[in-house]
């Protein structure tokens, strides 16, 4: 019985790490973008009259706060390492505040599409999980009847 338990544990851990992409699916849709959350992550969604917030705590303790709306906080473009880079029809800006805190702004190029303002707080020593989470963001367009997302990684140039 002892060998059986070890074999099952080995198979479970091997299959869990066989796929290098820990966030293979987009299962949260913002309108402008989508991203994935997985088992073990904590997720809180709040909807107000003209904006939405998403609070995500990854299983390793890293936190991501996302604002989706039309009036994001002021962004320091002069300090950003990415400033309004056009990726899939969105302008991506990224700012490394310090080693543990980052900010990413996704600006739509079409009117009546919300901004996505992402604040990242890294608490874990290993950045693999937060990097995989960021790679799960894909650009989306929304109509009254459907949301369509690209297969491209929207935040491919983000450096944590």
Protein backbone atom coordinates (compact mmCIF):
# COMPACT_ATOMS: atom_id res chain seq x y z
CA UNK A 1 0.00 0.00 0.00
CA UNK A 2 2.86 2.36 0.80
CA UNK A 3 4.30 1.99 -2.74
CA UNK A 4 0.85 2.63 -4.25
CA UNK A 5 0.49 5.93 -2.36
CA UNK A 6 3.95 7.03 -3.48
CA UNK A 7 3.11 6.15 -7.08
CA UNK A 8 -0.17 8.08 -7.00
CA UNK A 9 1.58 11.10 -5.45
CA UNK A 10 4.30 10.93 -8.12
CA UNK A 11 1.72 10.77 -10.92
CA UNK A 12 -0.25 13.67 -9.49
CA UNK A 13 2.80 15.91 -9.06
CA UNK A 14 4.23 14.92 -12.43
CA UNK A 15 1.00 15.68 -14.29
CA UNK A 16 0.57 18.96 -12.43
CA UNK A 17 3.97 20.16 -13.62
CA UNK A 18 3.91 18.53 -17.06
CA UNK A 19 2.16 21.58 -18.51
CA UNK A 20 4.44 24.60 -18.13
CA UNK A 21 1.46 26.92 -18.53
CA UNK A 22 -0.21 27.05 -15.12
CA UNK A 23 -3.00 29.31 -16.41
CA UNK A 24 -4.06 27.77 -19.73
CA UNK A 25 -7.57 29.24 -19.81
CA UNK A 26 -9.19 32.66 -19.86
CA UNK A 27 -12.06 32.24 -17.43
CA UNK A 28 -12.56 35.84 -16.25
CA UNK A 29 -13.68 38.34 -18.91
CA UNK A 30 -13.21 42.10 -18.51
CA UNK A 31 -14.51 43.17 -21.92
CA UNK A 32 -11.14 44.62 -22.91
CA UNK A 33 -9.20 41.52 -21.82
CA UNK A 34 -9.55 38.16 -20.17
CA UNK A 35 -7.35 36.26 -17.73
CA UNK A 36 -7.29 32.97 -15.91
CA UNK A 37 -7.70 31.96 -12.29
CA UNK A 38 -7.08 28.41 -11.13
CA UNK A 39 -7.87 26.18 -8.18
CA UNK A 40 -6.14 27.51 -5.07
CA UNK A 41 -6.37 31.17 -6.10
CA UNK A 42 -8.72 33.52 -4.25
CA UNK A 43 -10.89 35.80 -6.35
CA UNK A 44 -13.18 38.68 -5.38
CA UNK A 45 -15.25 40.64 -7.89
CA UNK A 46 -16.97 43.96 -7.16
CA UNK A 47 -19.23 45.77 -9.60
CA UNK A 48 -20.10 49.44 -9.18
CA UNK A 49 -22.12 51.73 -11.41
CA UNK A 50 -19.32 52.63 -13.83
CA UNK A 51 -16.41 50.31 -12.97
CA UNK A 52 -15.47 46.87 -11.74
CA UNK A 53 -12.67 45.64 -9.51
CA UNK A 54 -11.09 42.23 -9.28
CA UNK A 55 -8.96 41.21 -6.32
CA UNK A 56 -6.92 38.07 -6.90
CA UNK A 57 -4.67 36.35 -4.40
CA UNK A 58 -2.62 33.63 -6.04
CA UNK A 59 -1.94 30.38 -4.21
CA UNK A 60 1.63 31.53 -3.44
CA UNK A 61 0.44 34.77 -1.76
CA UNK A 62 1.08 37.19 -4.64
CA UNK A 63 -1.76 39.70 -5.11
CA UNK A 64 -3.20 41.35 -8.20
CA UNK A 65 -5.79 44.14 -8.05
CA UNK A 66 -7.51 45.01 -11.31
CA UNK A 67 -9.67 48.02 -12.12
CA UNK A 68 -11.80 47.89 -15.27
CA UNK A 69 -13.50 51.16 -16.10
CA UNK A 70 -13.24 54.52 -17.82
CA UNK A 71 -11.32 56.54 -15.21
CA UNK A 72 -8.12 54.81 -14.07
CA UNK A 73 -5.74 56.52 -11.64
CA UNK A 74 -3.06 58.75 -13.18
CA UNK A 75 -0.20 56.74 -14.68
CA UNK A 76 3.46 57.85 -14.59
CA UNK A 77 4.30 57.37 -18.27
CA UNK A 78 7.67 59.16 -17.88
CA UNK A 79 8.87 56.41 -15.45
CA UNK A 80 7.40 53.48 -17.42
CA UNK A 81 9.60 50.92 -19.20
CA UNK A 82 6.72 50.34 -21.64
CA UNK A 83 4.74 53.38 -22.72
CA UNK A 84 1.68 53.00 -24.94
CA UNK A 85 3.08 50.05 -26.90
CA UNK A 86 0.48 48.92 -29.43
CA UNK A 87 -0.28 45.20 -28.99
CA UNK A 88 -3.36 43.71 -30.66
CA UNK A 89 -5.05 47.13 -30.85
CA UNK A 90 -4.44 48.04 -27.19
CA UNK A 91 -1.88 50.45 -25.79
CA UNK A 92 0.15 48.71 -23.07
CA UNK A 93 2.13 50.66 -20.49
CA UNK A 94 4.11 49.11 -17.64
CA UNK A 95 5.83 50.58 -14.62
CA UNK A 96 8.08 48.81 -12.14
CA UNK A 97 7.42 50.70 -8.91
CA UNK A 98 9.96 48.60 -6.97
CA UNK A 99 11.08 44.94 -6.86
CA UNK A 100 7.76 43.83 -5.37
CA UNK A 101 5.21 46.20 -6.95
CA UNK A 102 4.32 46.70 -10.60
CA UNK A 103 1.59 48.48 -12.49
CA UNK A 104 0.26 47.76 -15.97
CA UNK A 105 -2.25 49.90 -17.87
CA UNK A 106 -4.17 48.56 -20.85
CA UNK A 107 -5.71 51.40 -22.86
CA UNK A 108 -8.23 50.65 -25.56
CA UNK A 109 -7.89 52.34 -28.92
CA UNK A 110 -11.65 52.22 -29.50
CA UNK A 111 -14.12 54.51 -27.74
CA UNK A 112 -16.54 53.13 -25.16
CA UNK A 113 -14.14 50.36 -24.16
CA UNK A 114 -12.90 50.26 -20.56
CA UNK A 115 -9.32 50.70 -19.42
CA UNK A 116 -7.74 47.87 -17.44
CA UNK A 117 -5.44 49.02 -14.63
CA UNK A 118 -3.46 46.18 -13.02
CA UNK A 119 -1.57 46.54 -9.74
CA UNK A 120 0.74 43.63 -8.90
CA UNK A 121 2.20 42.91 -5.45
CA UNK A 122 4.76 40.11 -5.31
CA UNK A 123 5.29 38.39 -1.96
CA UNK A 124 6.73 35.03 -3.04
CA UNK A 125 10.42 34.56 -3.77
CA UNK A 126 9.69 32.56 -6.92
CA UNK A 127 8.09 34.69 -9.66
CA UNK A 128 7.00 31.75 -11.84
CA UNK A 129 3.36 31.74 -10.70
CA UNK A 130 2.82 35.50 -11.08
CA UNK A 131 4.58 35.41 -14.47
CA UNK A 132 2.28 32.62 -15.66
CA UNK A 133 -0.74 34.55 -14.36
CA UNK A 134 0.30 37.67 -16.31
CA UNK A 135 0.83 35.53 -19.44
CA UNK A 136 -2.81 34.42 -19.22
CA UNK A 137 -4.05 37.91 -20.21
CA UNK A 138 -5.44 38.04 -23.73
CA UNK A 139 -7.02 40.93 -25.63
CA UNK A 140 -10.80 40.73 -26.11
CA UNK A 141 -13.53 42.58 -27.93
CA UNK A 142 -17.11 42.62 -26.74
CA UNK A 143 -20.40 43.07 -28.52
CA UNK A 144 -23.91 42.87 -27.12
CA UNK A 145 -24.09 39.17 -27.91
CA UNK A 146 -20.53 37.85 -27.60
CA UNK A 147 -17.00 38.30 -26.32
CA UNK A 148 -14.15 37.31 -28.62
CA UNK A 149 -10.55 36.96 -27.40
CA UNK A 150 -7.29 36.57 -29.31
CA UNK A 151 -4.84 33.73 -28.78
CA UNK A 152 -1.95 36.19 -28.42
CA UNK A 153 -0.46 37.02 -25.05
CA UNK A 154 -1.48 40.62 -24.45
CA UNK A 155 1.10 41.28 -21.71
CA UNK A 156 4.00 39.44 -23.30
CA UNK A 157 6.53 42.26 -22.70
CA UNK A 158 5.86 42.68 -18.97
CA UNK A 159 9.01 42.27 -16.86
CA UNK A 160 8.54 41.35 -13.20
